[in-house]
C-alpha cells in the first residue's frame, strides 16, 4: 500500500471521528445543565476545530493551516480564561437547598452592626 493512500485513509477516518466528536460536543453546549459545562464544551469545540485544521493541513500539505490552528488555539485559550473570570465574578449560584452539613450565613439586618462594643 502506498504511503499517500495510508495518509488519505487515516485523514478520512480522523475527519469522521472529529465530526462525531463535534456533533456530540455541540449537543452538550446546547443542553449543558450549567454555564461551566457550556464553557467547557466551547473549549472542547475549539480543540476539535484545531484538530480539523491540523488534519486538513496534513492532507493538503499546505503549511499555512498550522499557523491558523495556532492562532485559533490562542484565541480559544483567551476566550476560556475570559469565560472563567466571568463565572467567578458571578459567584456560585444555587437553585436548590444547600448541601447537607452546609449552613447559609444569615444576612445582617439593615441598621444593625455586627461589631461588638468596646
Protein backbone atom coordinates (compact mmCIF):
# COMPACT_ATOMS: atom_id res chain seq x y z
CA UNK A 1 0.00 0.00 0.00
CA UNK A 2 1.35 3.42 -0.93
CA UNK A 3 2.13 5.95 1.82
CA UNK A 4 -0.15 8.51 0.18
CA UNK A 5 -3.08 6.08 0.33
CA UNK A 6 -2.41 5.39 4.02
CA UNK A 7 -2.32 9.10 4.85
CA UNK A 8 -5.51 9.69 2.86
CA UNK A 9 -7.35 6.83 4.60
CA UNK A 10 -6.14 7.93 8.04
CA UNK A 11 -7.24 11.51 7.32
CA UNK A 12 -10.69 10.32 6.25
CA UNK A 13 -11.12 8.24 9.41
CA UNK A 14 -9.83 11.09 11.58
CA UNK A 15 -12.21 13.60 9.99
CA UNK A 16 -15.13 11.22 10.60
CA UNK A 17 -14.18 10.79 14.27
CA UNK A 18 -13.72 14.56 14.69
CA UNK A 19 -17.10 15.13 13.05
CA UNK A 20 -18.81 12.80 15.53
CA UNK A 21 -16.99 14.48 18.42
CA UNK A 22 -18.05 17.89 17.10
CA UNK A 23 -21.73 16.91 16.95
CA UNK A 24 -21.69 15.38 20.44
CA UNK A 25 -19.91 18.40 21.91
CA UNK A 26 -22.27 20.83 20.20
CA UNK A 27 -25.17 18.90 21.74
CA UNK A 28 -23.51 19.28 25.16
CA UNK A 29 -23.05 23.01 24.65
CA UNK A 30 -26.72 23.43 23.73
CA UNK A 31 -28.14 21.23 26.50
CA UNK A 32 -25.48 21.73 29.18
CA UNK A 33 -27.10 21.94 32.59
CA UNK A 34 -24.80 24.70 33.88
CA UNK A 35 -22.80 27.58 32.50
CA UNK A 36 -19.41 26.00 33.33
CA UNK A 37 -20.46 22.89 31.37
CA UNK A 38 -21.20 25.04 28.36
CA UNK A 39 -17.88 26.88 28.69
CA UNK A 40 -16.02 23.58 28.84
CA UNK A 41 -17.95 22.45 25.77
CA UNK A 42 -16.94 25.58 23.87
CA UNK A 43 -13.32 24.99 24.83
CA UNK A 44 -13.62 21.42 23.57
CA UNK A 45 -15.15 22.68 20.31
CA UNK A 46 -12.11 24.90 19.87
CA UNK A 47 -9.83 21.89 20.32
CA UNK A 48 -11.85 19.88 17.81
CA UNK A 49 -11.69 22.74 15.30
CA UNK A 50 -7.90 22.82 15.74
CA UNK A 51 -7.88 19.08 15.05
CA UNK A 52 -9.89 19.61 11.85
CA UNK A 53 -7.45 22.27 10.69
CA UNK A 54 -4.44 20.08 11.51
CA UNK A 55 -5.84 17.10 9.59
CA UNK A 56 -6.63 19.29 6.58
CA UNK A 57 -3.08 20.70 6.76
CA UNK A 58 -1.61 17.18 6.67
CA UNK A 59 -3.97 16.05 3.93
CA UNK A 60 -3.34 19.01 1.63
CA UNK A 61 0.29 19.69 2.56
CA UNK A 62 -0.46 23.40 2.92
CA UNK A 63 1.60 24.58 5.92
CA UNK A 64 -0.26 27.86 6.43
CA UNK A 65 -3.09 25.91 8.09
CA UNK A 66 -0.78 25.17 11.02
CA UNK A 67 -0.41 28.90 11.68
CA UNK A 68 -4.19 29.27 11.59
CA UNK A 69 -4.54 26.41 14.08
CA UNK A 70 -2.04 28.06 16.44
CA UNK A 71 -3.89 31.38 16.25
CA UNK A 72 -7.20 29.62 16.93
CA UNK A 73 -5.64 27.92 19.94
CA UNK A 74 -4.52 31.24 21.38
CA UNK A 75 -7.92 32.85 20.82
CA UNK A 76 -9.66 29.81 22.31
CA UNK A 77 -7.44 29.94 25.39
CA UNK A 78 -8.13 33.64 25.93
CA UNK A 79 -11.87 33.07 25.50
CA UNK A 80 -11.83 30.27 28.07
CA UNK A 81 -9.97 32.45 30.57
CA UNK A 82 -12.43 35.31 30.00
CA UNK A 83 -15.42 33.00 30.48
CA UNK A 84 -13.86 31.56 33.66
CA UNK A 85 -13.36 35.06 35.07
CA UNK A 86 -17.00 35.83 34.21
CA UNK A 87 -18.21 32.74 36.08
CA UNK A 88 -16.03 33.58 39.09
CA UNK A 89 -17.28 37.16 39.16
CA UNK A 90 -20.88 35.97 39.22
CA UNK A 91 -20.25 33.79 42.24
CA UNK A 92 -21.75 30.42 42.97
CA UNK A 93 -25.43 30.46 42.09
CA UNK A 94 -27.51 27.69 43.61
CA UNK A 95 -31.05 26.87 42.71
CA UNK A 96 -31.76 24.19 45.29
CA UNK A 97 -31.25 23.77 49.02
CA UNK A 98 -27.69 23.85 50.37
CA UNK A 99 -25.83 20.53 50.61
CA UNK A 100 -26.07 18.60 53.88
CA UNK A 101 -23.82 19.97 56.59
CA UNK A 102 -23.50 23.39 54.99
CA UNK A 103 -25.41 26.22 56.59
CA UNK A 104 -26.19 29.51 54.97
CA UNK A 105 -24.91 32.58 56.77
CA UNK A 106 -27.66 34.90 57.89
CA UNK A 107 -27.57 38.26 56.20
CA UNK A 108 -27.08 41.15 58.62
CA UNK A 109 -30.14 43.21 59.31
CA UNK A 110 -30.05 46.76 57.99
CA UNK A 111 -29.20 49.28 60.69
CA UNK A 112 -27.52 46.77 63.00
CA UNK A 113 -23.77 46.40 63.21
CA UNK A 114 -22.03 43.11 63.68
CA UNK A 115 -19.15 44.62 65.70
CA UNK A 116 -19.07 44.19 69.43
CA UNK A 117 -18.81 47.37 71.50
CA UNK A 118 -15.51 48.01 73.30
